[in-house]
Amino acid sequence: MIILKEFNSTQSKVEFLLKNYKSLRDSDIKLWISYLVMYHNLQKSLSSTNDPCQGFCDLILDDKVPSIASIIRVRQKLQEDGSYPKLKKAIKRDKKIDIKDKIRGLLKSHKPLRDDDKKLWLAYLITHHSLKEKMNTSSDPYETLCDILIDDIPGMDSIRRTRQQIQETGLYVGEKRKQRLVAAKQVSKWAKGD
């Protein structure tokens, strides 16, 4: 039973993929897609509905599904000691993607996105990469999804950092953050004895 329990951890699943599919060591997005296919039935989620994009969104928003950032952290941890090295050297991209204005527009017009990075990333893909239209009109939604994700799109972590930069200026702050700031002020006030 212990062996089965260990294999059920995210780390052991990522390790299995890195060990058995060496090409996944060079692409975090391919590693994440493979993780979703093997352990969360990505293809079934896309084909079991008339709206494959909604199936993908539902899967990504499921709390049991790790974000790409989580998968990246696990991969990095596994590779720190030299296990599962990348096959190619990383190619640095000279192309700078300015997504700040697009993220600012989404945060301005959709308040629920201000507190949820997964929803913000999905909204970005739907709005600026035509995810819904492309997937729902495709004869193979899975291939279309892979093409979109592997294309030069910003990752969820880039979207999160951009959101944080915008919100640090005081713009489009989400309700959860406002609640945390109020709670922090109350704790500070209580600690000072006021």
Protein backbone atom coordinates (compact mmCIF):
# COMPACT_ATOMS: atom_id res chain seq x y z
CA MET A 1 0.00 0.00 0.00
CA ILE A 2 2.83 2.42 0.74
CA ILE A 3 4.18 2.03 -2.81
CA LEU A 4 0.76 2.85 -4.28
CA LYS A 5 0.40 5.85 -1.98
CA GLU A 6 3.83 7.16 -3.00
CA PHE A 7 2.99 6.78 -6.70
CA ASN A 8 -0.13 8.85 -6.16
CA SER A 9 1.93 11.91 -5.20
CA THR A 10 2.50 14.62 -7.77
CA GLN A 11 6.25 14.26 -7.41
CA SER A 12 6.25 10.54 -8.17
CA LYS A 13 3.99 11.10 -11.17
CA VAL A 14 6.25 13.82 -12.58
CA GLU A 15 9.29 11.65 -11.88
CA PHE A 16 7.69 8.77 -13.79
CA LEU A 17 7.10 11.05 -16.79
CA LEU A 18 10.63 12.48 -16.72
CA LYS A 19 12.18 9.03 -16.39
CA ASN A 20 10.15 7.38 -19.14
CA TYR A 21 9.69 10.27 -21.60
CA LYS A 22 13.00 12.12 -21.84
CA SER A 23 11.67 14.67 -24.33
CA LEU A 24 9.44 16.09 -21.57
CA ARG A 25 12.54 17.28 -19.70
CA ASP A 26 12.93 20.14 -22.18
CA SER A 27 9.41 21.56 -22.16
CA ASP A 28 7.39 22.40 -19.07
CA ILE A 29 4.21 22.85 -21.10
CA LYS A 30 4.60 19.43 -22.73
CA LEU A 31 5.31 17.92 -19.31
CA TRP A 32 2.14 19.52 -17.91
CA ILE A 33 0.02 18.41 -20.87
CA SER A 34 1.37 14.87 -20.52
CA TYR A 35 0.58 14.99 -16.80
CA LEU A 36 -2.99 16.05 -17.57
CA VAL A 37 -3.36 13.32 -20.20
CA MET A 38 -1.98 10.52 -18.02
CA TYR A 39 -3.39 11.40 -14.63
CA HIS A 40 -6.46 13.58 -15.26
CA ASN A 41 -7.92 12.23 -18.53
CA LEU A 42 -7.44 15.43 -20.51
CA GLN A 43 -8.56 13.87 -23.78
CA LYS A 44 -11.74 12.50 -22.17
CA SER A 45 -12.51 15.94 -20.72
CA LEU A 46 -12.30 17.42 -24.22
CA SER A 47 -14.28 14.74 -26.02
CA SER A 48 -17.05 14.14 -23.48
CA THR A 49 -18.81 17.43 -24.22
CA ASN A 50 -19.99 19.55 -27.15
CA ASP A 51 -17.91 22.37 -25.70
CA PRO A 52 -14.29 21.10 -25.47
CA CYS A 53 -13.07 24.47 -24.24
CA GLN A 54 -15.46 24.28 -21.28
CA GLY A 55 -14.25 20.75 -20.58
CA PHE A 56 -10.66 22.04 -20.47
CA CYS A 57 -11.62 24.99 -18.25
CA ASP A 58 -13.49 22.71 -15.83
CA LEU A 59 -10.48 20.40 -15.62
CA ILE A 60 -8.02 23.23 -14.98
CA LEU A 61 -10.26 24.77 -12.30
CA ASP A 62 -10.57 21.44 -10.46
CA ASP A 63 -8.68 21.78 -7.17
CA LYS A 64 -7.22 18.28 -7.62
CA VAL A 65 -5.40 19.30 -10.81
CA PRO A 66 -1.99 20.88 -10.16
CA SER A 67 -1.14 24.10 -11.96
CA ILE A 68 1.71 24.25 -14.42
CA ALA A 69 3.69 26.21 -11.81
CA SER A 70 3.37 23.27 -9.40
CA ILE A 71 4.59 20.84 -12.04
CA ILE A 72 7.52 23.14 -12.86
CA ARG A 73 8.52 23.34 -9.17
CA VAL A 74 8.42 19.54 -8.87
CA ARG A 75 10.51 19.16 -12.06
CA GLN A 76 13.05 21.69 -10.80
CA LYS A 77 13.28 19.93 -7.45
CA LEU A 78 13.85 16.58 -9.15
CA GLN A 79 16.52 18.06 -11.43
CA GLU A 80 18.43 19.91 -8.68
CA ASP A 81 20.51 16.84 -7.85
CA GLY A 82 21.27 16.07 -11.50
CA SER A 83 18.51 13.53 -11.97
CA TYR A 84 16.60 13.71 -15.25
CA PRO A 85 18.75 16.42 -16.88
CA LYS A 86 17.43 18.40 -19.80
CA LEU A 87 18.48 17.10 -23.18
CA LYS A 88 19.02 20.52 -24.79
CA LYS A 89 20.20 23.77 -23.37
CA ALA A 90 17.38 26.19 -22.83
CA ILE A 91 16.99 28.68 -25.63
CA LYS A 92 16.48 32.18 -24.36
CA ARG A 93 13.87 34.03 -26.30
CA ASP A 94 14.73 37.48 -27.49
CA LYS A 95 11.06 38.18 -28.14
CA LYS A 96 9.49 40.12 -25.29
CA ILE A 97 5.79 39.61 -24.89
CA ASP A 98 4.03 42.62 -23.49
CA ILE A 99 0.95 41.17 -21.87
CA LYS A 100 0.52 43.81 -19.19
CA ASP A 101 -2.11 45.84 -21.10
CA LYS A 102 -4.10 42.70 -21.93
CA ILE A 103 -4.04 41.54 -18.31
CA ARG A 104 -4.93 45.04 -17.10
CA GLY A 105 -7.94 45.02 -19.45
CA LEU A 106 -9.13 41.64 -18.17
CA LEU A 107 -8.73 42.69 -14.53
CA LYS A 108 -10.53 45.97 -15.17
CA SER A 109 -13.55 44.40 -16.84
CA HIS A 110 -13.85 41.10 -14.93
CA LYS A 111 -13.65 41.43 -11.13
CA PRO A 112 -13.73 37.64 -10.42
CA LEU A 113 -10.40 37.29 -12.25
CA ARG A 114 -8.63 39.52 -9.74
CA ASP A 115 -8.38 36.74 -7.13
CA ASP A 116 -7.98 33.63 -9.27
CA ASP A 117 -4.89 33.09 -11.42
CA LYS A 118 -6.24 29.95 -13.07
CA LYS A 119 -9.36 31.79 -14.21
CA LEU A 120 -7.27 34.77 -15.32
CA TRP A 121 -4.98 32.54 -17.41
CA LEU A 122 -7.97 30.77 -18.99
CA ALA A 123 -9.64 34.12 -19.72
CA TYR A 124 -6.40 35.31 -21.32
CA LEU A 125 -6.27 32.22 -23.56
CA ILE A 126 -9.94 32.54 -24.50
CA THR A 127 -9.80 36.28 -25.14
CA HIS A 128 -6.39 36.71 -26.74
CA HIS A 129 -5.68 33.32 -28.31
CA SER A 130 -9.23 32.34 -29.39
CA LEU A 131 -9.07 29.15 -27.34
CA LYS A 132 -12.84 28.57 -27.30
CA GLU A 133 -13.42 29.19 -31.01
CA LYS A 134 -10.42 27.15 -32.11
CA MET A 135 -11.16 24.18 -29.87
CA ASN A 136 -14.89 24.08 -30.44
CA THR A 137 -14.58 24.21 -34.23
CA SER A 138 -11.69 21.77 -34.48
CA SER A 139 -12.06 18.17 -35.59
CA ASP A 140 -9.39 17.30 -32.99
CA PRO A 141 -9.74 19.59 -29.93
CA TYR A 142 -6.85 17.88 -28.14
CA GLU A 143 -4.38 18.61 -30.97
CA THR A 144 -5.69 22.16 -31.23
CA LEU A 145 -5.26 22.68 -27.49
CA CYS A 146 -1.70 21.33 -27.61
CA ASP A 147 -0.87 23.62 -30.54
CA ILE A 148 -2.21 26.66 -28.67
CA LEU A 149 -0.42 25.81 -25.42
CA ILE A 150 2.88 24.95 -27.07
CA ASP A 151 2.76 28.13 -29.14
CA ASP A 152 4.54 31.14 -27.68
CA ILE A 153 1.89 31.99 -25.08
CA PRO A 154 2.61 33.27 -21.58
CA GLY A 155 2.43 30.66 -18.86
CA MET A 156 0.20 30.83 -15.82
CA ASP A 157 3.17 31.97 -13.73
CA SER A 158 3.84 34.92 -16.09
CA ILE A 159 0.18 35.87 -15.89
CA ARG A 160 0.33 35.69 -12.07
CA ARG A 161 3.45 37.88 -11.89
CA THR A 162 1.90 40.43 -14.25
CA ARG A 163 -1.31 40.50 -12.17
CA GLN A 164 0.76 41.04 -9.01
CA GLN A 165 2.69 43.91 -10.62
CA ILE A 166 -0.55 45.60 -11.64
CA GLN A 167 -2.18 45.08 -8.24
CA GLU A 168 0.90 46.33 -6.36
CA THR A 169 0.12 49.75 -7.81
CA GLY A 170 -3.29 49.56 -6.13
CA LEU A 171 -5.25 48.94 -9.33
CA TYR A 172 -7.82 46.18 -9.71
CA VAL A 173 -7.15 44.58 -6.34
CA GLY A 174 -9.29 41.55 -5.64
CA GLU A 175 -11.64 41.17 -2.68
CA LYS A 176 -9.51 38.43 -1.08
CA ARG A 177 -6.47 40.69 -1.08
CA LYS A 178 -8.49 43.55 0.39
CA GLN A 179 -9.69 41.21 3.15
CA ARG A 180 -6.09 40.07 3.84
CA LEU A 181 -4.92 43.71 4.07
CA VAL A 182 -7.72 44.58 6.51
CA ALA A 183 -6.93 41.48 8.59
CA ALA A 184 -3.22 42.36 8.60
CA LYS A 185 -4.00 45.87 9.82
CA GLN A 186 -6.21 44.46 12.59
CA VAL A 187 -3.49 42.04 13.69
CA SER A 188 -0.93 44.84 13.66
CA LYS A 189 -3.24 47.06 15.67
CA TRP A 190 -3.94 44.24 18.15
CA ALA A 191 -0.21 43.42 18.49
CA LYS A 192 0.55 47.08 19.31
CA GLY A 193 -2.17 47.03 21.96
CA ASP A 194 -4.30 49.73 20.33
